[in-house]
């Protein structure tokens, strides 16, 4: 917390604006739109709700196909199932760790042959790093298929000077407890067309028609953010640039200390600017990420595996997947070797040094054990 949240929360209580309507919601939406240089935004209950609304507005329905990044959290793809549509998963590339333009192109070529182009493409900006939007957008535009940017993890990141989430037709953000800024739980939608923003707001408020009584002509949702949570978001937004600097500083210390141990960090390729939501890396080939995580846990340090690719999840086992190189999945390699290191902005210098030394020791112990076995 920044320390300024209480002021906004108190104002919400003092003015009795508690429900999902009120001045903080309007203020948060305007301030986010200004930060993003976007036409407008709609504050919602979650990033998942934002994806769901985007798919609904695009007319995605039963039997339709939606292409989606495979290396991501399940929330990126669950809304496809809400619409009874069919997800098709696209691999990562080694340059950005995000959606592979090569794999996306092959998926489109096959879809055209099958005469079943996707209704939308969901491109995820993973761990705070932008996808290769120029190449990906060029492909999608050539087939006239709209793009939804899942920028849940990348608020504060950019691509060629443009904020992530504002390049495609729709952009979504998450304010969950662990994101760049938080409203405890919440999300936001932005869109190129103001008509889409108006429809999103309409659908998110149970799709109430203009009438002197409650009348409903289409299916709606209860997806609006509360005025209290929007107040928290306004205070958090004031500190976003500082958070990005802190996250990038944390990453830099890891990179300087651990690159010599054979660790490779998530790239920040030319033209991109990562907010480094999490510091993520791959371990040397002879190290098992779970062994390192377990060793860190024994020292009361929490670390995680990278996202398990969605095409490997039991929920999606019967859905199509296009690899970066046929028979050679980048996402699977990253899952096999990847680890997310502690990246909280409350991490003290002493704690950070302890984490780094413990990671080094975990790798050293593995190397030492290997050396002993090879001499037996």
Foldseek 3Di string as FASTA:
>chain_A
DLVCLVVQLVVCVVVVQWFLDDDLQVVLFVVVCVVQVFPTKAWWQWLLLQLLLVCVLLVQAAAAEEEEEFQDDCSLPVSSVVRNYAYAYAFADQAFNWGFLLLVLVVQVVCVVVVHGHQEYETEQPQQWDDPPVSNVVSCVVVVHFYEYECQAHQVKDFLPHGGQRPTQKYKYWQDPLHLHHLVGIMMMGGRDVVSNVVSNCQCCQNADPDPDGDHDDGHHVIGDGSSSSSSSVVRVVCNVVSLVLLVVLLVVLCVLCVVQVKAWRDRDPRIGGSSSWTKIFHPPLDFQVLLQVLCVVVVFHKAARGQGNCPDPVNVPHHYGASDVPDGPSNNSRRGMMTGDRDSVQDPVNSVVSSVSSVVSSVVSVVVVVVVVVD
